[in-house]
Amino acid sequence: MSYTEKILCTKSHEYILKGDTCIVGLTDYAIDQLGDIVFLELPEVGSEFAKGETFANIESVKAASEIYMPVSGKVIEVNEELVDAPEKLNDDCYENGWLVKIEPTAGEDEYTDLLTYTEYKEELE
């Protein structure tokens, strides 16, 4: 099973890999739209965010964007490698290009409006 078959996506182009610890990142579409990434600001470990809150900022040669939390949760790990080398997101935004790992504090109801990767791709067309 590929990584994209396991993730859920938001309409604002974030993805989440659901589990006891959830992995959050940006979809390949978002990365393609941004172009060459030059800066990434990630939150501190221990920060808590509600669904839809801005938890990170990203800048590319084309634009600056906010990144939103797909479900409520507490940040338990940050991908430090990307802070030092944000351009790595252009190569792999899934397996090595995740942004944060969170401990979800949300109920299952927060997942209901998320899309499968296939549904997400259909929305883009």
PDB file of N, CA and C in Angstrom:
ATOM      1  N   MET A   1       0.855  -1.191   0.000  1.00  0.00           N
ATOM      2  CA  MET A   1       0.000   0.000   0.000  1.00  0.00           C
ATOM      3  C   MET A   1       0.896   1.248   0.000  1.00  0.00           C
ATOM      4  N   SER A   2       0.622   2.148  -0.908  1.00  0.00           N
ATOM      5  CA  SER A   2       1.443   3.365  -0.985  1.00  0.00           C
ATOM      6  C   SER A   2       1.040   4.348   0.107  1.00  0.00           C
ATOM      7  N   TYR A   3       1.934   5.283   0.358  1.00  0.00           N
ATOM      8  CA  TYR A   3       1.707   6.290   1.396  1.00  0.00           C
ATOM      9  C   TYR A   3       0.421   7.066   1.135  1.00  0.00           C
ATOM     10  N   THR A   4       0.183   7.430  -0.130  1.00  0.00           N
ATOM     11  CA  THR A   4      -0.998   8.245  -0.438  1.00  0.00           C
ATOM     12  C   THR A   4      -2.305   7.480  -0.233  1.00  0.00           C
ATOM     13  N   GLU A   5      -2.256   6.154  -0.211  1.00  0.00           N
ATOM     14  CA  GLU A   5      -3.482   5.379   0.037  1.00  0.00           C
ATOM     15  C   GLU A   5      -3.876   5.396   1.509  1.00  0.00           C
ATOM     16  N   LYS A   6      -2.952   5.801   2.381  1.00  0.00           N
ATOM     17  CA  LYS A   6      -3.204   5.761   3.827  1.00  0.00           C
ATOM     18  C   LYS A   6      -3.531   7.130   4.421  1.00  0.00           C
ATOM     19  N   ILE A   7      -3.285   8.209   3.669  1.00  0.00           N
ATOM     20  CA  ILE A   7      -3.455   9.548   4.245  1.00  0.00           C
ATOM     21  C   ILE A   7      -4.858  10.112   4.012  1.00  0.00           C
ATOM     22  N   LEU A   8      -5.191  11.107   4.823  1.00  0.00           N
ATOM     23  CA  LEU A   8      -6.396  11.902   4.625  1.00  0.00           C
ATOM     24  C   LEU A   8      -5.928  13.328   4.353  1.00  0.00           C
ATOM     25  N   CYS A   9      -6.655  14.035   3.502  1.00  0.00           N
ATOM     26  CA  CYS A   9      -6.232  15.373   3.084  1.00  0.00           C
ATOM     27  C   CYS A   9      -7.285  16.428   3.416  1.00  0.00           C
ATOM     28  N   THR A  10      -6.814  17.672   3.573  1.00  0.00           N
ATOM     29  CA  THR A  10      -7.721  18.803   3.771  1.00  0.00           C
ATOM     30  C   THR A  10      -7.850  19.539   2.443  1.00  0.00           C
ATOM     31  N   LYS A  11      -8.868  20.365   2.339  1.00  0.00           N
ATOM     32  CA  LYS A  11      -9.028  21.161   1.122  1.00  0.00           C
ATOM     33  C   LYS A  11      -7.968  22.248   1.035  1.00  0.00           C
ATOM     34  N   SER A  12      -7.284  22.530   2.161  1.00  0.00           N
ATOM     35  CA  SER A  12      -6.209  23.527   2.158  1.00  0.00           C
ATOM     36  C   SER A  12      -4.831  22.868   1.961  1.00  0.00           C
ATOM     37  N   HIS A  13      -4.834  21.601   1.522  1.00  0.00           N
ATOM     38  CA  HIS A  13      -3.641  20.876   1.053  1.00  0.00           C
ATOM     39  C   HIS A  13      -2.714  20.322   2.129  1.00  0.00           C
ATOM     40  N   GLU A  14      -3.210  20.151   3.363  1.00  0.00           N
ATOM     41  CA  GLU A  14      -2.441  19.433   4.359  1.00  0.00           C
ATOM     42  C   GLU A  14      -2.869  17.969   4.302  1.00  0.00           C
ATOM     43  N   TYR A  15      -1.987  17.091   4.785  1.00  0.00           N
ATOM     44  CA  TYR A  15      -2.390  15.691   4.920  1.00  0.00           C
ATOM     45  C   TYR A  15      -2.125  15.225   6.342  1.00  0.00           C
ATOM     46  N   ILE A  16      -2.811  14.149   6.711  1.00  0.00           N
ATOM     47  CA  ILE A  16      -2.598  13.527   8.016  1.00  0.00           C
ATOM     48  C   ILE A  16      -2.600  12.017   7.825  1.00  0.00           C
ATOM     49  N   LEU A  17      -1.639  11.365   8.454  1.00  0.00           N
ATOM     50  CA  LEU A  17      -1.595   9.910   8.504  1.00  0.00           C
ATOM     51  C   LEU A  17      -2.069   9.575   9.914  1.00  0.00           C
ATOM     52  N   LYS A  18      -3.271   9.009   9.976  1.00  0.00           N
ATOM     53  CA  LYS A  18      -3.958   8.785  11.242  1.00  0.00           C
ATOM     54  C   LYS A  18      -3.337   7.618  12.016  1.00  0.00           C
ATOM     55  N   GLY A  19      -3.256   7.792  13.330  1.00  0.00           N
ATOM     56  CA  GLY A  19      -2.765   6.737  14.207  1.00  0.00           C
ATOM     57  C   GLY A  19      -2.781   7.246  15.636  1.00  0.00           C
ATOM     58  N   ASP A  20      -2.205   6.476  16.572  1.00  0.00           N
ATOM     59  CA  ASP A  20      -2.091   6.952  17.957  1.00  0.00           C
ATOM     60  C   ASP A  20      -1.253   8.224  17.950  1.00  0.00           C
ATOM     61  N   THR A  21      -0.220   8.200  17.097  1.00  0.00           N
ATOM     62  CA  THR A  21       0.553   9.391  16.783  1.00  0.00           C
ATOM     63  C   THR A  21       0.250   9.689  15.329  1.00  0.00           C
ATOM     64  N   CYS A  22      -0.210  10.883  15.039  1.00  0.00           N
ATOM     65  CA  CYS A  22      -0.544  11.250  13.657  1.00  0.00           C
ATOM     66  C   CYS A  22       0.617  12.023  13.039  1.00  0.00           C
ATOM     67  N   ILE A  23       0.836  11.785  11.757  1.00  0.00           N
ATOM     68  CA  ILE A  23       1.870  12.492  11.013  1.00  0.00           C
ATOM     69  C   ILE A  23       1.174  13.523  10.128  1.00  0.00           C
ATOM     70  N   VAL A  24       1.661  14.770  10.176  1.00  0.00           N
ATOM     71  CA  VAL A  24       1.044  15.859   9.427  1.00  0.00           C
ATOM     72  C   VAL A  24       2.072  16.450   8.455  1.00  0.00           C
ATOM     73  N   GLY A  25       1.602  16.753   7.239  1.00  0.00           N
ATOM     74  CA  GLY A  25       2.485  17.369   6.253  1.00  0.00           C
ATOM     75  C   GLY A  25       1.693  18.092   5.189  1.00  0.00           C
ATOM     76  N   LEU A  26       2.378  18.474   4.130  1.00  0.00           N
ATOM     77  CA  LEU A  26       1.755  19.141   2.979  1.00  0.00           C
ATOM     78  C   LEU A  26       1.712  18.175   1.809  1.00  0.00           C
ATOM     79  N   THR A  27       0.642  18.232   1.037  1.00  0.00           N
ATOM     80  CA  THR A  27       0.492  17.320  -0.102  1.00  0.00           C
ATOM     81  C   THR A  27       1.453  17.681  -1.233  1.00  0.00           C
ATOM     82  N   ASP A  28       1.660  16.724  -2.117  1.00  0.00           N
ATOM     83  CA  ASP A  28       2.526  16.933  -3.282  1.00  0.00           C
ATOM     84  C   ASP A  28       1.986  18.077  -4.158  1.00  0.00           C
ATOM     85  N   TYR A  29       0.658  18.203  -4.228  1.00  0.00           N
ATOM     86  CA  TYR A  29       0.069  19.296  -5.015  1.00  0.00           C
ATOM     87  C   TYR A  29       0.489  20.652  -4.441  1.00  0.00           C
ATOM     88  N   ALA A  30       0.409  20.801  -3.116  1.00  0.00           N
ATOM     89  CA  ALA A  30       0.786  22.064  -2.470  1.00  0.00           C
ATOM     90  C   ALA A  30       2.255  22.384  -2.739  1.00  0.00           C
ATOM     91  N   ILE A  31       3.097  21.381  -2.618  1.00  0.00           N
ATOM     92  CA  ILE A  31       4.534  21.584  -2.835  1.00  0.00           C
ATOM     93  C   ILE A  31       4.790  21.993  -4.289  1.00  0.00           C
ATOM     94  N   ASP A  32       4.110  21.326  -5.233  1.00  0.00           N
ATOM     95  CA  ASP A  32       4.262  21.674  -6.654  1.00  0.00           C
ATOM     96  C   ASP A  32       3.839  23.117  -6.916  1.00  0.00           C
ATOM     97  N   GLN A  33       2.751  23.537  -6.280  1.00  0.00           N
ATOM     98  CA  GLN A  33       2.244  24.896  -6.478  1.00  0.00           C
ATOM     99  C   GLN A  33       3.193  25.943  -5.896  1.00  0.00           C
ATOM    100  N   LEU A  34       3.826  25.612  -4.789  1.00  0.00           N
ATOM    101  CA  LEU A  34       4.741  26.551  -4.138  1.00  0.00           C
ATOM    102  C   LEU A  34       6.034  26.734  -4.928  1.00  0.00           C
ATOM    103  N   GLY A  35       6.501  25.667  -5.550  1.00  0.00           N
ATOM    104  CA  GLY A  35       7.786  25.755  -6.249  1.00  0.00           C
ATOM    105  C   GLY A  35       8.930  25.547  -5.267  1.00  0.00           C
ATOM    106  N   ASP A  36      10.072  26.172  -5.538  1.00  0.00           N
ATOM    107  CA  ASP A  36      11.259  25.971  -4.707  1.00  0.00           C
ATOM    108  C   ASP A  36      11.071  26.572  -3.317  1.00  0.00           C
ATOM    109  N   ILE A  37      11.130  25.713  -2.308  1.00  0.00           N
ATOM    110  CA  ILE A  37      10.898  26.145  -0.932  1.00  0.00           C
ATOM    111  C   ILE A  37      12.200  26.676  -0.335  1.00  0.00           C
ATOM    112  N   VAL A  38      12.101  27.851   0.296  1.00  0.00           N
ATOM    113  CA  VAL A  38      13.293  28.500   0.845  1.00  0.00           C
ATOM    114  C   VAL A  38      13.249  28.671   2.367  1.00  0.00           C
ATOM    115  N   PHE A  39      12.072  28.561   2.978  1.00  0.00           N
ATOM    116  CA  PHE A  39      11.960  28.780   4.418  1.00  0.00           C
ATOM    117  C   PHE A  39      10.786  27.993   4.974  1.00  0.00           C
ATOM    118  N   LEU A  40      10.985  27.440   6.168  1.00  0.00           N
ATOM    119  CA  LEU A  40       9.921  26.705   6.850  1.00  0.00           C
ATOM    120  C   LEU A  40      10.025  27.005   8.341  1.00  0.00           C
ATOM    121  N   GLU A  41       8.904  27.416   8.918  1.00  0.00           N
ATOM    122  CA  GLU A  41       8.852  27.677  10.356  1.00  0.00           C
ATOM    123  C   GLU A  41       7.876  26.684  10.964  1.00  0.00           C
ATOM    124  N   LEU A  42       8.372  25.855  11.887  1.00  0.00           N
ATOM    125  CA  LEU A  42       7.550  24.839  12.536  1.00  0.00           C
ATOM    126  C   LEU A  42       7.369  25.186  14.011  1.00  0.00           C
ATOM    127  N   PRO A  43       6.312  24.648  14.649  1.00  0.00           N
ATOM    128  CA  PRO A  43       6.034  24.983  16.047  1.00  0.00           C
ATOM    129  C   PRO A  43       6.980  24.270  17.016  1.00  0.00           C
ATOM    130  N   GLU A  44       6.914  24.675  18.270  1.00  0.00           N
ATOM    131  CA  GLU A  44       7.683  24.027  19.336  1.00  0.00           C
ATOM    132  C   GLU A  44       6.994  22.719  19.723  1.00  0.00           C
ATOM    133  N   VAL A  45       7.794  21.736  20.126  1.00  0.00           N
ATOM    134  CA  VAL A  45       7.243  20.506  20.685  1.00  0.00           C
ATOM    135  C   VAL A  45       6.477  20.893  21.949  1.00  0.00           C
ATOM    136  N   GLY A  46       5.292  20.317  22.125  1.00  0.00           N
ATOM    137  CA  GLY A  46       4.455  20.639  23.275  1.00  0.00           C
ATOM    138  C   GLY A  46       3.357  21.645  22.955  1.00  0.00           C
ATOM    139  N   SER A  47       3.471  22.325  21.811  1.00  0.00           N
ATOM    140  CA  SER A  47       2.427  23.279  21.400  1.00  0.00           C
ATOM    141  C   SER A  47       1.146  22.511  21.092  1.00  0.00           C
ATOM    142  N   GLU A  48       0.018  23.134  21.420  1.00  0.00           N
ATOM    143  CA  GLU A  48      -1.275  22.515  21.109  1.00  0.00           C
ATOM    144  C   GLU A  48      -2.037  23.401  20.143  1.00  0.00           C
ATOM    145  N   PHE A  49      -2.701  22.762  19.184  1.00  0.00           N
ATOM    146  CA  PHE A  49      -3.451  23.493  18.170  1.00  0.00           C
ATOM    147  C   PHE A  49      -4.823  22.878  17.987  1.00  0.00           C
ATOM    148  N   ALA A  50      -5.800  23.753  17.731  1.00  0.00           N
ATOM    149  CA  ALA A  50      -7.142  23.285  17.394  1.00  0.00           C
ATOM    150  C   ALA A  50      -7.185  23.040  15.892  1.00  0.00           C
ATOM    151  N   LYS A  51      -8.105  22.218  15.471  1.00  0.00           N
ATOM    152  CA  LYS A  51      -8.293  21.961  14.044  1.00  0.00           C
ATOM    153  C   LYS A  51      -8.476  23.292  13.311  1.00  0.00           C
ATOM    154  N   GLY A  52      -7.749  23.468  12.210  1.00  0.00           N
ATOM    155  CA  GLY A  52      -7.887  24.668  11.402  1.00  0.00           C
ATOM    156  C   GLY A  52      -6.979  25.824  11.801  1.00  0.00           C
ATOM    157  N   GLU A  53      -6.304  25.702  12.951  1.00  0.00           N
ATOM    158  CA  GLU A  53      -5.388  26.764  13.378  1.00  0.00           C
ATOM    159  C   GLU A  53      -4.080  26.692  12.590  1.00  0.00           C
ATOM    160  N   THR A  54      -3.465  27.850  12.375  1.00  0.00           N
ATOM    161  CA  THR A  54      -2.160  27.898  11.728  1.00  0.00           C
ATOM    162  C   THR A  54      -1.120  27.333  12.686  1.00  0.00           C
ATOM    163  N   PHE A  55      -0.357  26.335  12.217  1.00  0.00           N
ATOM    164  CA  PHE A  55       0.691  25.784  13.084  1.00  0.00           C
ATOM    165  C   PHE A  55       2.087  25.968  12.499  1.00  0.00           C
ATOM    166  N   ALA A  56       2.171  26.352  11.222  1.00  0.00           N
ATOM    167  CA  ALA A  56       3.479  26.515  10.591  1.00  0.00           C
ATOM    168  C   ALA A  56       3.376  27.521   9.448  1.00  0.00           C
ATOM    169  N   ASN A  57       4.528  27.995   9.010  1.00  0.00           N
ATOM    170  CA  ASN A  57       4.608  28.916   7.874  1.00  0.00           C
ATOM    171  C   ASN A  57       5.667  28.413   6.910  1.00  0.00           C
ATOM    172  N   ILE A  58       5.384  28.596   5.626  1.00  0.00           N
ATOM    173  CA  ILE A  58       6.305  28.132   4.596  1.00  0.00           C
ATOM    174  C   ILE A  58       6.461  29.235   3.554  1.00  0.00           C
ATOM    175  N   GLU A  59       7.658  29.376   3.040  1.00  0.00           N
ATOM    176  CA  GLU A  59       7.916  30.360   1.993  1.00  0.00           C
ATOM    177  C   GLU A  59       8.653  29.698   0.850  1.00  0.00           C
ATOM    178  N   SER A  60       8.263  30.086  -0.356  1.00  0.00           N
ATOM    179  CA  SER A  60       8.954  29.608  -1.551  1.00  0.00           C
ATOM    180  C   SER A  60       9.362  30.830  -2.358  1.00  0.00           C
ATOM    181  N   VAL A  61       9.977  30.569  -3.492  1.00  0.00           N
ATOM    182  CA  VAL A  61      10.346  31.693  -4.352  1.00  0.00           C
ATOM    183  C   VAL A  61       9.099  32.384  -4.895  1.00  0.00           C
ATOM    184  N   LYS A  62       7.961  31.690  -4.899  1.00  0.00           N
ATOM    185  CA  LYS A  62       6.708  32.241  -5.433  1.00  0.00           C
ATOM    186  C   LYS A  62       5.807  32.885  -4.393  1.00  0.00           C
ATOM    187  N   ALA A  63       5.746  32.299  -3.190  1.00  0.00           N
ATOM    188  CA  ALA A  63       4.722  32.739  -2.233  1.00  0.00           C
ATOM    189  C   ALA A  63       5.068  32.352  -0.802  1.00  0.00           C
ATOM    190  N   ALA A  64       4.347  32.969   0.122  1.00  0.00           N
ATOM    191  CA  ALA A  64       4.416  32.594   1.536  1.00  0.00           C
ATOM    192  C   ALA A  64       3.029  32.080   1.910  1.00  0.00           C
ATOM    193  N   SER A  65       2.977  31.011   2.683  1.00  0.00           N
ATOM    194  CA  SER A  65       1.695  30.415   3.041  1.00  0.00           C
ATOM    195  C   SER A  65       1.683  29.967   4.493  1.00  0.00           C
ATOM    196  N   GLU A  66       0.482  29.951   5.046  1.00  0.00           N
ATOM    197  CA  GLU A  66       0.285  29.382   6.369  1.00  0.00           C
ATOM    198  C   GLU A  66      -0.115  27.921   6.185  1.00  0.00           C
ATOM    199  N   ILE A  67       0.239  27.108   7.166  1.00  0.00           N
ATOM    200  CA  ILE A  67      -0.118  25.691   7.135  1.00  0.00           C
ATOM    201  C   ILE A  67      -1.042  25.443   8.322  1.00  0.00           C
ATOM    202  N   TYR A  68      -2.163  24.773   8.076  1.00  0.00           N
ATOM    203  CA  TYR A  68      -3.216  24.598   9.082  1.00  0.00           C
ATOM    204  C   TYR A  68      -3.259  23.174   9.622  1.00  0.00           C
ATOM    205  N   MET A  69      -3.593  23.060  10.888  1.00  0.00           N
ATOM    206  CA  MET A  69      -3.679  21.752  11.541  1.00  0.00           C
ATOM    207  C   MET A  69      -4.955  21.032  11.080  1.00  0.00           C
ATOM    208  N   PRO A  70      -4.812  19.804  10.548  1.00  0.00           N
ATOM    209  CA  PRO A  70      -5.994  19.073  10.041  1.00  0.00           C
ATOM    210  C   PRO A  70      -6.948  18.590  11.129  1.00  0.00           C
ATOM    211  N   VAL A  71      -6.428  18.266  12.322  1.00  0.00           N
ATOM    212  CA  VAL A  71      -7.254  17.899  13.471  1.00  0.00           C
ATOM    213  C   VAL A  71      -6.577  18.467  14.724  1.00  0.00           C
ATOM    214  N   SER A  72      -7.326  18.630  15.783  1.00  0.00           N
ATOM    215  CA  SER A  72      -6.751  19.151  17.021  1.00  0.00           C
ATOM    216  C   SER A  72      -5.715  18.185  17.575  1.00  0.00           C
ATOM    217  N   GLY A  73      -4.631  18.744  18.109  1.00  0.00           N
ATOM    218  CA  GLY A  73      -3.613  17.871  18.676  1.00  0.00           C
ATOM    219  C   GLY A  73      -2.462  18.622  19.304  1.00  0.00           C
ATOM    220  N   LYS A  74      -1.608  17.845  19.954  1.00  0.00           N
ATOM    221  CA  LYS A  74      -0.417  18.361  20.628  1.00  0.00           C
ATOM    222  C   LYS A  74       0.809  17.884  19.851  1.00  0.00           C
ATOM    223  N   VAL A  75       1.697  18.826  19.535  1.00  0.00           N
ATOM    224  CA  VAL A  75       2.908  18.493  18.788  1.00  0.00           C
ATOM    225  C   VAL A  75       3.859  17.707  19.685  1.00  0.00           C
ATOM    226  N   ILE A  76       4.236  16.497  19.238  1.00  0.00           N
ATOM    227  CA  ILE A  76       5.161  15.685  20.029  1.00  0.00           C
ATOM    228  C   ILE A  76       6.520  15.530  19.343  1.00  0.00           C
ATOM    229  N   GLU A  77       6.576  15.867  18.052  1.00  0.00           N
ATOM    230  CA  GLU A  77       7.855  15.819  17.339  1.00  0.00           C
ATOM    231  C   GLU A  77       7.797  16.765  16.149  1.00  0.00           C
ATOM    232  N   VAL A  78       8.919  17.397  15.862  1.00  0.00           N
ATOM    233  CA  VAL A  78       9.041  18.328  14.738  1.00  0.00           C
ATOM    234  C   VAL A  78      10.155  17.804  13.837  1.00  0.00           C
ATOM    235  N   ASN A  79       9.960  17.884  12.535  1.00  0.00           N
ATOM    236  CA  ASN A  79      10.980  17.427  11.586  1.00  0.00           C
ATOM    237  C   ASN A  79      12.068  18.504  11.462  1.00  0.00           C
ATOM    238  N   GLU A  80      13.021  18.471  12.381  1.00  0.00           N
ATOM    239  CA  GLU A  80      14.088  19.479  12.457  1.00  0.00           C
ATOM    240  C   GLU A  80      14.916  19.532  11.174  1.00  0.00           C
ATOM    241  N   GLU A  81      15.057  18.396  10.529  1.00  0.00           N
ATOM    242  CA  GLU A  81      15.848  18.329   9.288  1.00  0.00           C
ATOM    243  C   GLU A  81      15.317  19.304   8.234  1.00  0.00           C
ATOM    244  N   LEU A  82      13.989  19.468   8.200  1.00  0.00           N
ATOM    245  CA  LEU A  82      13.379  20.375   7.220  1.00  0.00           C
ATOM    246  C   LEU A  82      13.570  21.841   7.566  1.00  0.00           C
ATOM    247  N   VAL A  83      13.694  22.151   8.861  1.00  0.00           N
ATOM    248  CA  VAL A  83      13.905  23.542   9.261  1.00  0.00           C
ATOM    249  C   VAL A  83      15.255  24.020   8.718  1.00  0.00           C
ATOM    250  N   ASP A  84      16.247  23.139   8.798  1.00  0.00           N
ATOM    251  CA  ASP A  84      17.587  23.473   8.310  1.00  0.00           C
ATOM    252  C   ASP A  84      17.694  23.369   6.794  1.00  0.00           C
ATOM    253  N   ALA A  85      16.891  22.501   6.186  1.00  0.00           N
ATOM    254  CA  ALA A  85      16.961  22.285   4.736  1.00  0.00           C
ATOM    255  C   ALA A  85      15.549  22.143   4.159  1.00  0.00           C
ATOM    256  N   PRO A  86      14.760  23.255   4.149  1.00  0.00           N
ATOM    257  CA  PRO A  86      13.357  23.171   3.705  1.00  0.00           C
ATOM    258  C   PRO A  86      13.206  22.720   2.258  1.00  0.00           C
ATOM    259  N   GLU A  87      14.253  22.891   1.450  1.00  0.00           N
ATOM    260  CA  GLU A  87      14.176  22.469   0.042  1.00  0.00           C
ATOM    261  C   GLU A  87      13.997  20.960  -0.112  1.00  0.00           C
ATOM    262  N   LYS A  88      14.263  20.193   0.953  1.00  0.00           N
ATOM    263  CA  LYS A  88      14.061  18.736   0.906  1.00  0.00           C
ATOM    264  C   LYS A  88      12.593  18.385   0.675  1.00  0.00           C
ATOM    265  N   LEU A  89      11.695  19.308   1.032  1.00  0.00           N
ATOM    266  CA  LEU A  89      10.265  19.088   0.786  1.00  0.00           C
ATOM    267  C   LEU A  89       9.984  18.935  -0.707  1.00  0.00           C
ATOM    268  N   ASN A  90      10.768  19.601  -1.546  1.00  0.00           N
ATOM    269  CA  ASN A  90      10.568  19.502  -2.987  1.00  0.00           C
ATOM    270  C   ASN A  90      10.849  18.089  -3.495  1.00  0.00           C
ATOM    271  N   ASP A  91      11.676  17.337  -2.774  1.00  0.00           N
ATOM    272  CA  ASP A  91      12.029  15.974  -3.190  1.00  0.00           C
ATOM    273  C   ASP A  91      11.053  14.932  -2.665  1.00  0.00           C
ATOM    274  N   ASP A  92      10.606  15.114  -1.420  1.00  0.00           N
ATOM    275  CA  ASP A  92       9.741  14.108  -0.798  1.00  0.00           C
ATOM    276  C   ASP A  92       8.916  14.778   0.293  1.00  0.00           C
ATOM    277  N   CYS A  93       7.622  14.940   0.042  1.00  0.00           N
ATOM    278  CA  CYS A  93       6.775  15.590   1.050  1.00  0.00           C
ATOM    279  C   CYS A  93       6.039  14.568   1.915  1.00  0.00           C
ATOM    280  N   TYR A  94       6.244  13.278   1.657  1.00  0.00           N
ATOM    281  CA  TYR A  94       5.531  12.262   2.428  1.00  0.00           C
ATOM    282  C   TYR A  94       6.431  11.532   3.426  1.00  0.00           C
ATOM    283  N   GLU A  95       7.140  10.514   2.998  1.00  0.00           N
ATOM    284  CA  GLU A  95       7.851   9.664   3.958  1.00  0.00           C
ATOM    285  C   GLU A  95       8.914  10.388   4.766  1.00  0.00           C
ATOM    286  N   ASN A  96       9.740  11.219   4.148  1.00  0.00           N
ATOM    287  CA  ASN A  96      10.756  11.959   4.892  1.00  0.00           C
ATOM    288  C   ASN A  96      10.396  13.429   5.056  1.00  0.00           C
ATOM    289  N   GLY A  97       9.368  13.878   4.347  1.00  0.00           N
ATOM    290  CA  GLY A  97       9.015  15.295   4.338  1.00  0.00           C
ATOM    291  C   GLY A  97       7.836  15.669   5.210  1.00  0.00           C
ATOM    292  N   TRP A  98       7.524  14.828   6.185  1.00  0.00           N
ATOM    293  CA  TRP A  98       6.462  15.186   7.136  1.00  0.00           C
ATOM    294  C   TRP A  98       6.908  16.420   7.926  1.00  0.00           C
ATOM    295  N   LEU A  99       5.950  17.163   8.436  1.00  0.00           N
ATOM    296  CA  LEU A  99       6.269  18.396   9.166  1.00  0.00           C
ATOM    297  C   LEU A  99       6.295  18.185  10.675  1.00  0.00           C
ATOM    298  N   VAL A 100       5.203  17.651  11.216  1.00  0.00           N
ATOM    299  CA  VAL A 100       5.112  17.407  12.659  1.00  0.00           C
ATOM    300  C   VAL A 100       4.410  16.082  12.916  1.00  0.00           C
ATOM    301  N   LYS A 101       4.664  15.552  14.103  1.00  0.00           N
ATOM    302  CA  LYS A 101       3.910  14.396  14.592  1.00  0.00           C
ATOM    303  C   LYS A 101       3.112  14.918  15.774  1.00  0.00           C
ATOM    304  N   ILE A 102       1.843  14.564  15.808  1.00  0.00           N
ATOM    305  CA  ILE A 102       0.968  15.046  16.881  1.00  0.00           C
ATOM    306  C   ILE A 102       0.291  13.889  17.607  1.00  0.00           C
ATOM    307  N   GLU A 103      -0.063  14.189  18.836  1.00  0.00           N
ATOM    308  CA  GLU A 103      -0.918  13.305  19.615  1.00  0.00           C
ATOM    309  C   GLU A 103      -2.302  13.924  19.461  1.00  0.00           C
ATOM    310  N   PRO A 104      -3.212  13.252  18.746  1.00  0.00           N
ATOM    311  CA  PRO A 104      -4.520  13.886  18.515  1.00  0.00           C
ATOM    312  C   PRO A 104      -5.298  14.047  19.816  1.00  0.00           C
ATOM    313  N   THR A 105      -5.942  15.204  19.955  1.00  0.00           N
ATOM    314  CA  THR A 105      -6.781  15.460  21.122  1.00  0.00           C
ATOM    315  C   THR A 105      -8.240  15.547  20.679  1.00  0.00           C
ATOM    316  N   ALA A 106      -8.470  15.207  19.416  1.00  0.00           N
ATOM    317  CA  ALA A 106      -9.798  15.339  18.817  1.00  0.00           C
ATOM    318  C   ALA A 106     -10.552  14.019  18.853  1.00  0.00           C
ATOM    319  N   GLY A 107     -11.847  14.151  18.720  1.00  0.00           N
ATOM    320  CA  GLY A 107     -12.669  12.959  18.560  1.00  0.00           C
ATOM    321  C   GLY A 107     -12.729  12.585  17.078  1.00  0.00           C
ATOM    322  N   GLU A 108     -13.308  11.445  16.798  1.00  0.00           N
ATOM    323  CA  GLU A 108     -13.421  10.971  15.414  1.00  0.00           C
ATOM    324  C   GLU A 108     -14.175  11.956  14.517  1.00  0.00           C
ATOM    325  N   ASP A 109     -15.055  12.781  15.124  1.00  0.00           N
ATOM    326  CA  ASP A 109     -15.853  13.727  14.331  1.00  0.00           C
ATOM    327  C   ASP A 109     -14.970  14.724  13.571  1.00  0.00           C
ATOM    328  N   GLU A 110     -13.765  14.993  14.055  1.00  0.00           N
ATOM    329  CA  GLU A 110     -12.896  15.943  13.363  1.00  0.00           C
ATOM    330  C   GLU A 110     -12.327  15.377  12.054  1.00  0.00           C
ATOM    331  N   TYR A 111     -12.438  14.083  11.873  1.00  0.00           N
ATOM    332  CA  TYR A 111     -11.909  13.457  10.657  1.00  0.00           C
ATOM    333  C   TYR A 111     -12.946  13.386   9.533  1.00  0.00           C
ATOM    334  N   THR A 112     -14.215  13.659   9.859  1.00  0.00           N
ATOM    335  CA  THR A 112     -15.289  13.412   8.897  1.00  0.00           C
ATOM    336  C   THR A 112     -15.220  14.265   7.632  1.00  0.00           C
ATOM    337  N   ASP A 113     -14.668  15.484   7.713  1.00  0.00           N
ATOM    338  CA  ASP A 113     -14.618  16.321   6.512  1.00  0.00           C
ATOM    339  C   ASP A 113     -13.298  16.190   5.742  1.00  0.00           C
ATOM    340  N   LEU A 114     -12.421  15.296   6.202  1.00  0.00           N
ATOM    341  CA  LEU A 114     -11.158  15.077   5.489  1.00  0.00           C
ATOM    342  C   LEU A 114     -11.399  14.144   4.303  1.00  0.00           C
ATOM    343  N   LEU A 115     -10.585  14.298   3.290  1.00  0.00           N
ATOM    344  CA  LEU A 115     -10.754  13.541   2.048  1.00  0.00           C
ATOM    345  C   LEU A 115      -9.698  12.451   1.922  1.00  0.00           C
ATOM    346  N   THR A 116     -10.068  11.349   1.286  1.00  0.00           N
ATOM    347  CA  THR A 116      -9.028  10.379   0.932  1.00  0.00           C
ATOM    348  C   THR A 116      -8.176  11.045  -0.144  1.00  0.00           C
ATOM    349  N   TYR A 117      -7.003  10.510  -0.397  1.00  0.00           N
ATOM    350  CA  TYR A 117      -6.125  11.102  -1.410  1.00  0.00           C
ATOM    351  C   TYR A 117      -6.804  11.095  -2.780  1.00  0.00           C
ATOM    352  N   THR A 118      -7.532  10.034  -3.084  1.00  0.00           N
ATOM    353  CA  THR A 118      -8.249   9.939  -4.366  1.00  0.00           C
ATOM    354  C   THR A 118      -9.310  11.030  -4.465  1.00  0.00           C
ATOM    355  N   GLU A 119     -10.090  11.227  -3.390  1.00  0.00           N
ATOM    356  CA  GLU A 119     -11.111  12.285  -3.376  1.00  0.00           C
ATOM    357  C   GLU A 119     -10.457  13.657  -3.504  1.00  0.00           C
ATOM    358  N   TYR A 120      -9.338  13.820  -2.828  1.00  0.00           N
ATOM    359  CA  TYR A 120      -8.591  15.092  -2.865  1.00  0.00           C
ATOM    360  C   TYR A 120      -8.146  15.397  -4.304  1.00  0.00           C
ATOM    361  N   LYS A 121      -7.590  14.412  -4.980  1.00  0.00           N
ATOM    362  CA  LYS A 121      -7.123  14.592  -6.358  1.00  0.00           C
ATOM    363  C   LYS A 121      -8.316  14.942  -7.269  1.00  0.00           C
ATOM    364  N   GLU A 122      -9.457  14.318  -7.023  1.00  0.00           N
ATOM    365  CA  GLU A 122     -10.664  14.603  -7.816  1.00  0.00           C
ATOM    366  C   GLU A 122     -11.129  16.048  -7.594  1.00  0.00           C
ATOM    367  N   GLU A 123     -11.030  16.532  -6.360  1.00  0.00           N
ATOM    368  CA  GLU A 123     -11.401  17.914  -6.042  1.00  0.00           C
ATOM    369  C   GLU A 123     -10.552  18.907  -6.825  1.00  0.00           C
ATOM    370  N   LEU A 124      -9.299  18.555  -7.069  1.00  0.00           N
ATOM    371  CA  LEU A 124      -8.362  19.456  -7.746  1.00  0.00           C
ATOM    372  C   LEU A 124      -8.644  19.592  -9.242  1.00  0.00           C
ATOM    373  N   GLU A 125      -9.326  18.586  -9.797  1.00  0.00           N
ATOM    374  CA  GLU A 125      -9.561  18.579 -11.251  1.00  0.00           C
ATOM    375  C   GLU A 125     -10.632  19.572 -11.678  1.00  0.00           C
TER     376      GLU A 125
END
